[in-house]
N, C-alpha and C. Protein backbone atom coordinates (compact mmCIF):
# COMPACT_ATOMS: atom_id res chain seq x y z
N MET A 1 6.46 7.58 -35.85
CA MET A 1 5.07 7.72 -36.29
C MET A 1 4.16 7.71 -35.08
N SER A 2 3.28 8.68 -34.99
CA SER A 2 2.36 8.74 -33.86
C SER A 2 1.26 7.70 -34.01
N VAL A 3 0.71 7.29 -32.88
CA VAL A 3 -0.32 6.27 -32.86
C VAL A 3 -1.58 6.85 -32.24
N GLN A 4 -2.70 6.60 -32.86
CA GLN A 4 -3.99 7.05 -32.34
C GLN A 4 -4.67 5.88 -31.64
N PHE A 5 -5.30 6.16 -30.50
CA PHE A 5 -5.96 5.12 -29.73
C PHE A 5 -7.46 5.37 -29.70
N GLN A 6 -8.20 4.30 -29.64
CA GLN A 6 -9.65 4.39 -29.45
C GLN A 6 -9.96 3.75 -28.11
N ARG A 7 -10.31 4.56 -27.12
CA ARG A 7 -10.57 4.05 -25.78
C ARG A 7 -12.06 3.81 -25.62
N ARG A 8 -12.40 2.68 -24.98
CA ARG A 8 -13.77 2.38 -24.65
C ARG A 8 -13.96 2.70 -23.18
N ARG A 9 -14.60 3.81 -22.88
CA ARG A 9 -14.75 4.24 -21.50
C ARG A 9 -15.97 3.58 -20.86
N ARG A 10 -15.78 3.11 -19.63
CA ARG A 10 -16.87 2.54 -18.87
C ARG A 10 -17.39 3.58 -17.90
N ALA A 11 -18.69 3.77 -17.85
CA ALA A 11 -19.29 4.80 -17.00
C ALA A 11 -18.88 4.60 -15.55
N GLY A 12 -18.36 5.65 -14.94
CA GLY A 12 -18.02 5.63 -13.52
C GLY A 12 -16.70 4.98 -13.18
N SER A 13 -16.01 4.43 -14.14
CA SER A 13 -14.76 3.74 -13.86
C SER A 13 -13.57 4.66 -14.04
N THR A 14 -12.64 4.61 -13.09
CA THR A 14 -11.41 5.39 -13.21
C THR A 14 -10.23 4.52 -13.65
N GLU A 15 -10.45 3.23 -13.77
CA GLU A 15 -9.38 2.32 -14.17
C GLU A 15 -8.97 2.57 -15.62
N VAL A 16 -7.69 2.41 -15.87
CA VAL A 16 -7.18 2.46 -17.23
C VAL A 16 -6.62 1.08 -17.54
N ARG A 17 -7.34 0.34 -18.36
CA ARG A 17 -6.98 -1.04 -18.68
C ARG A 17 -6.30 -1.09 -20.05
N ILE A 18 -5.40 -2.03 -20.20
CA ILE A 18 -4.69 -2.12 -21.47
C ILE A 18 -5.65 -2.50 -22.61
N GLU A 19 -6.72 -3.23 -22.28
CA GLU A 19 -7.68 -3.60 -23.32
C GLU A 19 -8.56 -2.44 -23.76
N ASP A 20 -8.43 -1.28 -23.09
CA ASP A 20 -9.15 -0.09 -23.51
C ASP A 20 -8.60 0.49 -24.81
N PHE A 21 -7.47 -0.02 -25.23
CA PHE A 21 -6.80 0.51 -26.41
C PHE A 21 -6.83 -0.48 -27.56
N ASN A 22 -7.04 0.05 -28.74
CA ASN A 22 -7.09 -0.78 -29.94
C ASN A 22 -5.67 -0.98 -30.46
N ILE A 23 -4.98 -2.00 -29.93
CA ILE A 23 -3.58 -2.21 -30.29
C ILE A 23 -3.36 -3.66 -30.71
N GLN A 24 -2.32 -3.86 -31.50
CA GLN A 24 -1.91 -5.20 -31.89
C GLN A 24 -0.81 -5.73 -30.96
N THR A 25 0.09 -4.84 -30.54
CA THR A 25 1.16 -5.19 -29.60
C THR A 25 1.34 -4.04 -28.62
N VAL A 26 2.08 -4.28 -27.56
CA VAL A 26 2.34 -3.24 -26.57
C VAL A 26 3.12 -2.07 -27.18
N PHE A 27 3.83 -2.31 -28.26
CA PHE A 27 4.63 -1.25 -28.87
C PHE A 27 3.76 -0.18 -29.52
N ASP A 28 2.51 -0.51 -29.80
CA ASP A 28 1.58 0.47 -30.34
C ASP A 28 1.18 1.52 -29.30
N LEU A 29 1.53 1.29 -28.04
CA LEU A 29 1.20 2.24 -26.98
C LEU A 29 2.15 3.44 -26.97
N PHE A 30 3.25 3.33 -27.71
CA PHE A 30 4.27 4.37 -27.71
C PHE A 30 4.41 4.97 -29.10
N PRO A 31 4.72 6.28 -29.19
CA PRO A 31 4.84 6.92 -30.50
C PRO A 31 6.06 6.47 -31.29
N ASP A 32 7.11 6.01 -30.59
CA ASP A 32 8.34 5.60 -31.26
C ASP A 32 8.83 4.27 -30.69
N ARG A 33 9.54 3.51 -31.49
CA ARG A 33 10.08 2.22 -31.07
C ARG A 33 11.47 2.41 -30.47
N HIS A 34 11.61 2.01 -29.24
CA HIS A 34 12.89 2.07 -28.53
C HIS A 34 13.08 0.76 -27.77
N PRO A 35 14.28 0.53 -27.22
CA PRO A 35 14.44 -0.63 -26.33
C PRO A 35 13.34 -0.62 -25.27
N PHE A 36 12.86 -1.79 -24.92
CA PHE A 36 11.62 -1.90 -24.15
C PHE A 36 11.80 -2.75 -22.89
N GLU A 37 11.28 -2.23 -21.78
CA GLU A 37 11.29 -2.95 -20.51
C GLU A 37 9.88 -3.01 -19.95
N MET A 38 9.58 -4.10 -19.28
CA MET A 38 8.24 -4.29 -18.72
C MET A 38 8.35 -4.79 -17.29
N GLU A 39 7.59 -4.16 -16.41
CA GLU A 39 7.51 -4.62 -15.02
C GLU A 39 6.15 -5.27 -14.80
N ILE A 40 6.17 -6.47 -14.28
CA ILE A 40 4.95 -7.20 -13.96
C ILE A 40 4.70 -7.09 -12.46
N GLY A 41 3.56 -6.50 -12.11
CA GLY A 41 3.26 -6.25 -10.71
C GLY A 41 3.92 -4.97 -10.23
N SER A 42 3.57 -3.85 -10.87
CA SER A 42 4.26 -2.57 -10.62
C SER A 42 3.86 -1.90 -9.32
N GLY A 43 2.74 -2.32 -8.72
CA GLY A 43 2.30 -1.66 -7.49
C GLY A 43 2.09 -0.17 -7.70
N LYS A 44 2.72 0.64 -6.88
CA LYS A 44 2.58 2.10 -6.98
C LYS A 44 3.47 2.70 -8.06
N GLY A 45 4.28 1.89 -8.71
CA GLY A 45 5.07 2.35 -9.84
C GLY A 45 6.38 3.03 -9.50
N ARG A 46 6.79 2.96 -8.26
CA ARG A 46 7.97 3.69 -7.80
C ARG A 46 9.22 3.34 -8.60
N PHE A 47 9.46 2.06 -8.83
CA PHE A 47 10.68 1.64 -9.53
C PHE A 47 10.71 2.16 -10.96
N LEU A 48 9.63 1.94 -11.72
CA LEU A 48 9.64 2.35 -13.13
C LEU A 48 9.60 3.86 -13.29
N LEU A 49 8.98 4.57 -12.39
CA LEU A 49 8.97 6.03 -12.48
C LEU A 49 10.40 6.57 -12.43
N GLU A 50 11.20 6.01 -11.56
CA GLU A 50 12.59 6.46 -11.44
C GLU A 50 13.43 5.96 -12.61
N ARG A 51 13.25 4.71 -12.98
CA ARG A 51 14.07 4.16 -14.07
C ARG A 51 13.75 4.85 -15.40
N ALA A 52 12.47 5.13 -15.65
CA ALA A 52 12.08 5.81 -16.89
C ALA A 52 12.66 7.23 -16.94
N ALA A 53 12.72 7.89 -15.79
CA ALA A 53 13.29 9.23 -15.74
C ALA A 53 14.78 9.21 -16.05
N ARG A 54 15.45 8.14 -15.65
CA ARG A 54 16.90 8.04 -15.87
C ARG A 54 17.25 7.53 -17.27
N HIS A 55 16.27 6.92 -17.94
CA HIS A 55 16.55 6.32 -19.26
C HIS A 55 15.50 6.77 -20.28
N PRO A 56 15.55 8.03 -20.70
CA PRO A 56 14.57 8.52 -21.68
C PRO A 56 14.69 7.86 -23.05
N GLU A 57 15.80 7.15 -23.28
CA GLU A 57 16.01 6.49 -24.56
C GLU A 57 15.32 5.12 -24.62
N ARG A 58 14.64 4.74 -23.54
CA ARG A 58 13.94 3.46 -23.47
C ARG A 58 12.45 3.68 -23.20
N ASN A 59 11.64 2.69 -23.61
CA ASN A 59 10.22 2.70 -23.28
C ASN A 59 9.94 1.69 -22.17
N PHE A 60 8.98 2.03 -21.32
CA PHE A 60 8.67 1.21 -20.15
C PHE A 60 7.17 1.01 -20.02
N LEU A 61 6.79 -0.21 -19.69
CA LEU A 61 5.39 -0.55 -19.41
C LEU A 61 5.31 -1.25 -18.07
N GLY A 62 4.41 -0.76 -17.22
CA GLY A 62 4.15 -1.41 -15.94
C GLY A 62 2.71 -1.86 -15.88
N ILE A 63 2.49 -3.09 -15.46
CA ILE A 63 1.13 -3.59 -15.33
C ILE A 63 0.91 -4.17 -13.95
N ASP A 64 -0.35 -4.11 -13.52
CA ASP A 64 -0.73 -4.69 -12.24
C ASP A 64 -2.23 -4.88 -12.29
N TYR A 65 -2.73 -5.87 -11.57
CA TYR A 65 -4.19 -6.07 -11.57
C TYR A 65 -4.85 -5.29 -10.45
N ALA A 66 -4.06 -4.72 -9.52
CA ALA A 66 -4.62 -3.94 -8.42
C ALA A 66 -4.54 -2.46 -8.76
N TRP A 67 -5.60 -1.92 -9.33
CA TRP A 67 -5.60 -0.52 -9.76
C TRP A 67 -5.50 0.45 -8.59
N ARG A 68 -5.95 0.05 -7.42
CA ARG A 68 -5.90 0.95 -6.26
C ARG A 68 -4.47 1.37 -5.95
N PHE A 69 -3.49 0.54 -6.28
CA PHE A 69 -2.09 0.90 -6.12
C PHE A 69 -1.55 1.56 -7.38
N LEU A 70 -1.85 0.99 -8.52
CA LEU A 70 -1.28 1.45 -9.79
C LEU A 70 -1.76 2.85 -10.15
N ARG A 71 -2.92 3.24 -9.66
CA ARG A 71 -3.46 4.58 -9.93
C ARG A 71 -2.45 5.66 -9.57
N GLU A 72 -1.75 5.46 -8.46
CA GLU A 72 -0.77 6.45 -8.00
C GLU A 72 0.35 6.64 -9.02
N GLY A 73 0.89 5.54 -9.52
CA GLY A 73 1.94 5.63 -10.53
C GLY A 73 1.43 6.25 -11.81
N HIS A 74 0.22 5.87 -12.22
CA HIS A 74 -0.38 6.40 -13.45
C HIS A 74 -0.50 7.92 -13.37
N GLN A 75 -0.90 8.45 -12.22
CA GLN A 75 -1.05 9.89 -12.06
C GLN A 75 0.29 10.61 -12.07
N ARG A 76 1.31 9.95 -11.56
CA ARG A 76 2.62 10.60 -11.46
C ARG A 76 3.35 10.69 -12.79
N ILE A 77 2.94 9.90 -13.78
CA ILE A 77 3.58 10.01 -15.10
C ILE A 77 3.46 11.43 -15.63
N GLY A 78 2.24 11.97 -15.60
CA GLY A 78 2.02 13.32 -16.08
C GLY A 78 2.69 14.36 -15.21
N GLN A 79 2.66 14.15 -13.91
CA GLN A 79 3.29 15.09 -12.98
C GLN A 79 4.79 15.21 -13.22
N ARG A 80 5.39 14.10 -13.65
CA ARG A 80 6.84 14.09 -13.87
C ARG A 80 7.21 14.28 -15.33
N GLY A 81 6.21 14.44 -16.19
CA GLY A 81 6.47 14.72 -17.60
C GLY A 81 7.15 13.59 -18.35
N LEU A 82 6.82 12.35 -17.99
CA LEU A 82 7.46 11.19 -18.63
C LEU A 82 6.64 10.74 -19.83
N THR A 83 7.25 10.74 -20.98
CA THR A 83 6.55 10.32 -22.21
C THR A 83 6.89 8.88 -22.60
N ASN A 84 7.81 8.27 -21.88
CA ASN A 84 8.30 6.93 -22.24
C ASN A 84 7.81 5.85 -21.27
N LEU A 85 6.77 6.16 -20.49
CA LEU A 85 6.28 5.22 -19.48
C LEU A 85 4.76 5.14 -19.53
N ARG A 86 4.24 3.90 -19.42
CA ARG A 86 2.80 3.67 -19.35
C ARG A 86 2.52 2.70 -18.20
N PHE A 87 1.40 2.95 -17.48
CA PHE A 87 0.90 2.03 -16.47
C PHE A 87 -0.54 1.66 -16.81
N TYR A 88 -0.84 0.37 -16.83
CA TYR A 88 -2.21 -0.08 -17.10
C TYR A 88 -2.57 -1.26 -16.22
N LYS A 89 -3.83 -1.36 -15.92
CA LYS A 89 -4.35 -2.55 -15.25
C LYS A 89 -4.43 -3.67 -16.28
N ALA A 90 -3.89 -4.83 -15.94
CA ALA A 90 -3.89 -5.95 -16.89
C ALA A 90 -3.47 -7.23 -16.18
N GLU A 91 -3.84 -8.34 -16.77
CA GLU A 91 -3.37 -9.66 -16.33
C GLU A 91 -2.05 -9.96 -17.04
N ALA A 92 -1.02 -10.24 -16.26
CA ALA A 92 0.32 -10.42 -16.82
C ALA A 92 0.37 -11.51 -17.89
N SER A 93 -0.21 -12.65 -17.60
CA SER A 93 -0.11 -13.76 -18.54
C SER A 93 -0.79 -13.43 -19.86
N ASP A 94 -1.90 -12.70 -19.81
CA ASP A 94 -2.61 -12.32 -21.04
C ASP A 94 -1.76 -11.38 -21.89
N VAL A 95 -1.14 -10.39 -21.25
CA VAL A 95 -0.33 -9.42 -21.97
C VAL A 95 0.88 -10.08 -22.61
N VAL A 96 1.60 -10.88 -21.83
CA VAL A 96 2.81 -11.51 -22.35
C VAL A 96 2.47 -12.49 -23.47
N ARG A 97 1.37 -13.18 -23.34
CA ARG A 97 1.00 -14.19 -24.33
C ARG A 97 0.47 -13.58 -25.62
N THR A 98 -0.34 -12.52 -25.54
CA THR A 98 -1.06 -12.03 -26.72
C THR A 98 -0.57 -10.70 -27.29
N LEU A 99 0.13 -9.90 -26.51
CA LEU A 99 0.47 -8.55 -26.97
C LEU A 99 1.97 -8.30 -27.11
N ILE A 100 2.78 -9.32 -26.84
CA ILE A 100 4.23 -9.14 -26.94
C ILE A 100 4.80 -10.14 -27.94
N PRO A 101 5.43 -9.66 -29.00
CA PRO A 101 6.04 -10.57 -29.98
C PRO A 101 7.28 -11.26 -29.41
N ASP A 102 7.68 -12.34 -30.05
CA ASP A 102 8.92 -13.01 -29.67
C ASP A 102 10.11 -12.07 -29.87
N ALA A 103 11.12 -12.25 -29.04
CA ALA A 103 12.40 -11.53 -29.17
C ALA A 103 12.21 -10.01 -29.27
N SER A 104 11.45 -9.44 -28.34
CA SER A 104 11.16 -8.01 -28.44
C SER A 104 11.35 -7.23 -27.13
N VAL A 105 11.52 -7.92 -26.02
CA VAL A 105 11.65 -7.26 -24.72
C VAL A 105 13.10 -7.32 -24.25
N ASP A 106 13.62 -6.17 -23.82
CA ASP A 106 15.00 -6.13 -23.35
C ASP A 106 15.13 -6.60 -21.90
N ILE A 107 14.21 -6.19 -21.05
CA ILE A 107 14.23 -6.61 -19.65
C ILE A 107 12.81 -6.80 -19.13
N PHE A 108 12.58 -7.92 -18.48
CA PHE A 108 11.38 -8.12 -17.67
C PHE A 108 11.77 -7.92 -16.21
N HIS A 109 10.96 -7.16 -15.48
CA HIS A 109 11.15 -6.96 -14.05
C HIS A 109 9.98 -7.60 -13.31
N ILE A 110 10.28 -8.49 -12.36
CA ILE A 110 9.24 -9.07 -11.52
C ILE A 110 9.75 -9.05 -10.09
N TYR A 111 9.25 -8.08 -9.31
CA TYR A 111 9.76 -7.89 -7.96
C TYR A 111 8.67 -8.15 -6.93
N PHE A 112 8.97 -9.06 -6.02
CA PHE A 112 8.11 -9.37 -4.88
C PHE A 112 6.68 -9.73 -5.30
N PRO A 113 6.57 -10.71 -6.22
CA PRO A 113 5.23 -11.18 -6.60
C PRO A 113 4.55 -11.86 -5.41
N ASP A 114 3.24 -11.87 -5.42
CA ASP A 114 2.48 -12.51 -4.34
C ASP A 114 2.89 -13.98 -4.25
N PRO A 115 3.36 -14.44 -3.09
CA PRO A 115 3.81 -15.84 -2.99
C PRO A 115 2.66 -16.84 -2.82
N TRP A 116 1.44 -16.35 -2.58
CA TRP A 116 0.31 -17.25 -2.37
C TRP A 116 0.78 -18.42 -1.51
N PRO A 117 1.05 -18.18 -0.23
CA PRO A 117 1.73 -19.18 0.61
C PRO A 117 0.90 -20.40 0.99
N LYS A 118 -0.42 -20.29 1.03
CA LYS A 118 -1.24 -21.43 1.42
C LYS A 118 -1.26 -22.47 0.29
N ARG A 119 -1.27 -23.73 0.67
CA ARG A 119 -1.20 -24.80 -0.31
C ARG A 119 -2.31 -24.69 -1.36
N GLN A 120 -3.52 -24.36 -0.93
CA GLN A 120 -4.64 -24.29 -1.87
C GLN A 120 -4.56 -23.07 -2.78
N GLN A 121 -3.66 -22.13 -2.46
CA GLN A 121 -3.50 -20.91 -3.27
C GLN A 121 -2.40 -21.05 -4.32
N ARG A 122 -1.57 -22.05 -4.21
CA ARG A 122 -0.34 -22.09 -5.01
C ARG A 122 -0.60 -22.18 -6.51
N LYS A 123 -1.77 -22.66 -6.90
CA LYS A 123 -2.09 -22.71 -8.32
C LYS A 123 -2.21 -21.31 -8.92
N ARG A 124 -2.32 -20.29 -8.06
CA ARG A 124 -2.40 -18.90 -8.54
C ARG A 124 -1.04 -18.28 -8.81
N ARG A 125 0.02 -18.96 -8.42
CA ARG A 125 1.35 -18.38 -8.58
C ARG A 125 1.67 -18.12 -10.05
N LEU A 126 2.30 -16.98 -10.28
CA LEU A 126 2.62 -16.55 -11.64
C LEU A 126 3.83 -17.29 -12.22
N LEU A 127 4.83 -17.51 -11.38
CA LEU A 127 6.13 -18.00 -11.88
C LEU A 127 6.15 -19.52 -11.99
N THR A 128 5.54 -20.01 -13.04
CA THR A 128 5.48 -21.43 -13.36
C THR A 128 6.51 -21.76 -14.43
N PRO A 129 6.81 -23.04 -14.65
CA PRO A 129 7.72 -23.39 -15.74
C PRO A 129 7.26 -22.86 -17.09
N ASP A 130 5.98 -22.97 -17.39
CA ASP A 130 5.47 -22.49 -18.67
C ASP A 130 5.63 -20.99 -18.82
N PHE A 131 5.42 -20.25 -17.72
CA PHE A 131 5.55 -18.79 -17.81
C PHE A 131 7.01 -18.39 -17.98
N PHE A 132 7.93 -19.09 -17.33
CA PHE A 132 9.35 -18.81 -17.53
C PHE A 132 9.75 -19.06 -18.99
N LYS A 133 9.25 -20.12 -19.58
CA LYS A 133 9.53 -20.40 -20.98
C LYS A 133 9.01 -19.28 -21.87
N LEU A 134 7.81 -18.78 -21.57
CA LEU A 134 7.21 -17.71 -22.36
C LEU A 134 8.02 -16.42 -22.25
N LEU A 135 8.44 -16.08 -21.04
CA LEU A 135 9.26 -14.88 -20.85
C LEU A 135 10.57 -14.99 -21.64
N HIS A 136 11.20 -16.16 -21.57
CA HIS A 136 12.45 -16.37 -22.32
C HIS A 136 12.22 -16.18 -23.81
N GLN A 137 11.12 -16.68 -24.31
CA GLN A 137 10.79 -16.57 -25.73
C GLN A 137 10.59 -15.11 -26.15
N ARG A 138 10.07 -14.29 -25.26
CA ARG A 138 9.77 -12.89 -25.58
C ARG A 138 10.98 -11.97 -25.45
N LEU A 139 12.03 -12.43 -24.79
CA LEU A 139 13.22 -11.60 -24.62
C LEU A 139 14.07 -11.56 -25.88
N VAL A 140 14.71 -10.41 -26.09
CA VAL A 140 15.70 -10.29 -27.15
C VAL A 140 16.93 -11.10 -26.77
N ARG A 141 17.81 -11.33 -27.74
CA ARG A 141 19.09 -11.98 -27.42
C ARG A 141 19.83 -11.12 -26.40
N ASP A 142 20.35 -11.74 -25.38
CA ASP A 142 21.03 -11.09 -24.26
C ASP A 142 20.07 -10.32 -23.36
N GLY A 143 18.76 -10.50 -23.56
CA GLY A 143 17.78 -9.87 -22.68
C GLY A 143 17.85 -10.46 -21.28
N LYS A 144 17.24 -9.75 -20.32
CA LYS A 144 17.34 -10.16 -18.93
C LYS A 144 15.97 -10.27 -18.26
N LEU A 145 15.92 -11.18 -17.30
CA LEU A 145 14.77 -11.32 -16.42
C LEU A 145 15.26 -11.05 -15.00
N GLU A 146 14.74 -9.99 -14.39
CA GLU A 146 15.14 -9.60 -13.04
C GLU A 146 14.05 -10.00 -12.05
N LEU A 147 14.42 -10.77 -11.03
CA LEU A 147 13.47 -11.29 -10.05
C LEU A 147 13.89 -10.91 -8.63
N ALA A 148 12.90 -10.73 -7.76
CA ALA A 148 13.19 -10.52 -6.34
C ALA A 148 12.02 -11.02 -5.50
N THR A 149 12.35 -11.55 -4.33
CA THR A 149 11.33 -11.99 -3.39
C THR A 149 11.90 -11.90 -1.97
N ASP A 150 11.00 -11.77 -1.00
CA ASP A 150 11.40 -11.82 0.40
C ASP A 150 10.96 -13.13 1.03
N ASN A 151 10.34 -14.00 0.23
CA ASN A 151 9.77 -15.26 0.72
C ASN A 151 10.68 -16.42 0.31
N PHE A 152 11.38 -17.01 1.27
CA PHE A 152 12.36 -18.05 0.95
C PHE A 152 11.69 -19.27 0.32
N GLU A 153 10.53 -19.66 0.82
CA GLU A 153 9.84 -20.81 0.25
C GLU A 153 9.49 -20.57 -1.21
N TYR A 154 9.06 -19.34 -1.53
CA TYR A 154 8.74 -19.02 -2.92
C TYR A 154 10.00 -18.98 -3.77
N LEU A 155 11.10 -18.51 -3.19
CA LEU A 155 12.38 -18.54 -3.90
C LEU A 155 12.73 -19.96 -4.33
N ILE A 156 12.59 -20.90 -3.42
CA ILE A 156 12.88 -22.30 -3.74
C ILE A 156 11.91 -22.81 -4.81
N ALA A 157 10.64 -22.40 -4.70
CA ALA A 157 9.62 -22.84 -5.66
C ALA A 157 9.93 -22.34 -7.05
N PHE A 158 10.31 -21.05 -7.19
CA PHE A 158 10.56 -20.62 -8.57
C PHE A 158 11.93 -21.01 -9.09
N LYS A 159 12.86 -21.37 -8.22
CA LYS A 159 14.09 -22.01 -8.69
C LYS A 159 13.77 -23.39 -9.27
N LYS A 160 12.88 -24.11 -8.60
CA LYS A 160 12.46 -25.41 -9.09
C LYS A 160 11.75 -25.27 -10.43
N ALA A 161 10.90 -24.22 -10.55
CA ALA A 161 10.19 -23.97 -11.80
C ALA A 161 11.17 -23.65 -12.93
N LEU A 162 12.24 -22.92 -12.61
CA LEU A 162 13.25 -22.59 -13.62
C LEU A 162 13.94 -23.86 -14.14
N VAL A 163 14.24 -24.78 -13.23
CA VAL A 163 14.86 -26.04 -13.64
C VAL A 163 13.90 -26.84 -14.51
N GLU A 164 12.63 -26.88 -14.11
CA GLU A 164 11.64 -27.62 -14.89
C GLU A 164 11.44 -27.00 -16.27
N ALA A 165 11.59 -25.68 -16.36
CA ALA A 165 11.45 -25.01 -17.65
C ALA A 165 12.61 -25.35 -18.58
N GLY A 166 13.74 -25.71 -18.01
CA GLY A 166 14.92 -26.06 -18.82
C GLY A 166 16.17 -25.49 -18.19
N ASP A 167 16.98 -26.33 -17.57
CA ASP A 167 18.13 -25.82 -16.83
C ASP A 167 19.24 -25.28 -17.72
N THR A 168 19.10 -25.45 -19.04
CA THR A 168 20.06 -24.85 -19.97
C THR A 168 19.44 -23.70 -20.76
N LEU A 169 18.27 -23.26 -20.34
CA LEU A 169 17.55 -22.22 -21.07
C LEU A 169 18.28 -20.87 -21.00
N TRP A 170 18.88 -20.59 -19.85
CA TRP A 170 19.48 -19.28 -19.62
C TRP A 170 21.00 -19.34 -19.75
N ARG A 171 21.55 -18.35 -20.45
CA ARG A 171 23.00 -18.30 -20.67
C ARG A 171 23.76 -18.03 -19.39
N ASP A 172 23.18 -17.19 -18.52
CA ASP A 172 23.86 -16.82 -17.29
C ASP A 172 22.83 -16.57 -16.20
N VAL A 173 23.15 -16.97 -14.98
CA VAL A 173 22.28 -16.76 -13.82
C VAL A 173 23.12 -16.17 -12.69
N ARG A 174 22.66 -15.03 -12.17
CA ARG A 174 23.33 -14.43 -11.02
C ARG A 174 22.35 -14.35 -9.86
N GLU A 175 22.86 -14.54 -8.66
CA GLU A 175 22.01 -14.46 -7.46
C GLU A 175 22.69 -13.59 -6.41
N SER A 176 21.88 -12.96 -5.57
CA SER A 176 22.43 -12.21 -4.46
C SER A 176 21.41 -12.16 -3.33
N ARG A 177 21.89 -11.82 -2.17
CA ARG A 177 21.01 -11.65 -1.01
C ARG A 177 21.22 -10.25 -0.45
N ASN A 178 20.12 -9.51 -0.33
CA ASN A 178 20.14 -8.13 0.18
C ASN A 178 20.97 -7.18 -0.67
N GLU A 179 21.17 -7.53 -1.94
CA GLU A 179 21.91 -6.65 -2.85
C GLU A 179 21.28 -6.70 -4.23
N ARG A 180 20.60 -5.61 -4.59
CA ARG A 180 19.95 -5.55 -5.90
C ARG A 180 21.01 -5.62 -7.00
N LEU A 181 20.74 -6.38 -8.04
CA LEU A 181 21.71 -6.60 -9.11
C LEU A 181 21.60 -5.54 -10.21
N LEU A 182 20.42 -5.00 -10.44
CA LEU A 182 20.23 -3.98 -11.47
C LEU A 182 19.76 -2.69 -10.81
N ASP A 183 20.41 -1.58 -11.15
CA ASP A 183 20.06 -0.28 -10.57
C ASP A 183 19.90 -0.36 -9.06
N PRO A 184 20.97 -0.68 -8.33
CA PRO A 184 20.85 -0.87 -6.88
C PRO A 184 20.38 0.37 -6.12
N GLU A 185 20.47 1.54 -6.75
CA GLU A 185 20.05 2.76 -6.06
C GLU A 185 18.54 3.01 -6.18
N ILE A 186 17.84 2.20 -6.98
CA ILE A 186 16.39 2.34 -7.14
C ILE A 186 15.70 1.17 -6.44
N GLN A 187 14.64 1.47 -5.70
CA GLN A 187 13.92 0.42 -4.99
C GLN A 187 12.42 0.51 -5.27
N THR A 188 11.75 -0.63 -5.23
CA THR A 188 10.30 -0.63 -5.31
C THR A 188 9.75 -0.20 -3.95
N HIS A 189 8.45 0.06 -3.91
CA HIS A 189 7.80 0.44 -2.65
C HIS A 189 7.97 -0.65 -1.59
N PHE A 190 7.69 -1.90 -1.97
CA PHE A 190 7.79 -2.99 -1.00
C PHE A 190 9.25 -3.30 -0.66
N GLU A 191 10.13 -3.12 -1.62
CA GLU A 191 11.55 -3.35 -1.37
C GLU A 191 12.06 -2.43 -0.27
N ALA A 192 11.72 -1.14 -0.36
CA ALA A 192 12.13 -0.18 0.65
C ALA A 192 11.51 -0.52 2.01
N LYS A 193 10.25 -0.91 1.98
CA LYS A 193 9.55 -1.28 3.22
C LYS A 193 10.20 -2.49 3.87
N TYR A 194 10.49 -3.52 3.07
CA TYR A 194 11.07 -4.74 3.63
C TYR A 194 12.48 -4.51 4.14
N ARG A 195 13.22 -3.62 3.48
CA ARG A 195 14.58 -3.31 3.96
C ARG A 195 14.50 -2.64 5.33
N ARG A 196 13.55 -1.73 5.50
CA ARG A 196 13.39 -1.07 6.80
C ARG A 196 13.04 -2.08 7.89
N GLN A 197 12.30 -3.11 7.51
CA GLN A 197 11.90 -4.13 8.46
C GLN A 197 13.00 -5.16 8.73
N GLY A 198 14.09 -5.07 7.96
CA GLY A 198 15.21 -5.97 8.17
C GLY A 198 15.00 -7.36 7.58
N ARG A 199 14.12 -7.49 6.63
CA ARG A 199 13.89 -8.80 6.01
C ARG A 199 15.04 -9.18 5.09
N LEU A 200 15.24 -10.47 4.91
CA LEU A 200 16.18 -10.96 3.90
C LEU A 200 15.50 -10.86 2.53
N LEU A 201 16.23 -10.29 1.58
CA LEU A 201 15.70 -10.12 0.22
C LEU A 201 16.57 -10.92 -0.74
N TYR A 202 15.91 -11.65 -1.63
CA TYR A 202 16.61 -12.54 -2.55
C TYR A 202 16.44 -12.06 -3.99
N TYR A 203 17.53 -11.96 -4.72
CA TYR A 203 17.53 -11.46 -6.08
C TYR A 203 18.12 -12.50 -7.04
N ILE A 204 17.50 -12.60 -8.21
CA ILE A 204 18.01 -13.45 -9.27
C ILE A 204 17.96 -12.68 -10.58
N GLU A 205 19.03 -12.75 -11.35
CA GLU A 205 19.08 -12.15 -12.68
C GLU A 205 19.42 -13.25 -13.67
N LEU A 206 18.53 -13.42 -14.67
CA LEU A 206 18.72 -14.43 -15.69
C LEU A 206 18.95 -13.75 -17.03
N SER A 207 19.97 -14.17 -17.73
CA SER A 207 20.30 -13.60 -19.04
C SER A 207 20.09 -14.64 -20.13
N LYS A 208 19.42 -14.22 -21.20
CA LYS A 208 19.12 -15.12 -22.31
C LYS A 208 20.36 -15.37 -23.17
């Protein structure tokens, strides 16, 4: 069934925000219901553009609060003729909390989130115990949460947050260093950049 949207356009703005659409859930953004994946902090959209092209049987949503980067991915959707992918400017916590039902997401992707390294900035970090609990609640049975960072201190911090969220919450946890666990042939923009720079990259895959 097709879905009609009512967009509220702001004069002079080129941003496309998820709140511009009259929807009850993120699934209203797509004409058909399929297995669903969401990337939080999509940047230029490189990873989801490639993954959506390889998996037309799935729907994909990428969000980021920095439209100056996300604009590029948004424009490339039409250029590549992808009907199963959307990019919107949005706050991750708001979307996950209010627009995603329980047990509805197959995979969450969170790659190289801002580590907010200064002590006074750490309250801005996304990956808190409460947020991990919320992501787990929104995943389908056997759903996955894919994480990556190049910041070792942040890696330790979100491992601690995972334990605080519940060390028995996840059925299976896999970790690797410099080896992507899902779709190793696809890289995000920053992932490719950091690999060229020779940085250590840390990956975690959690299964519900």
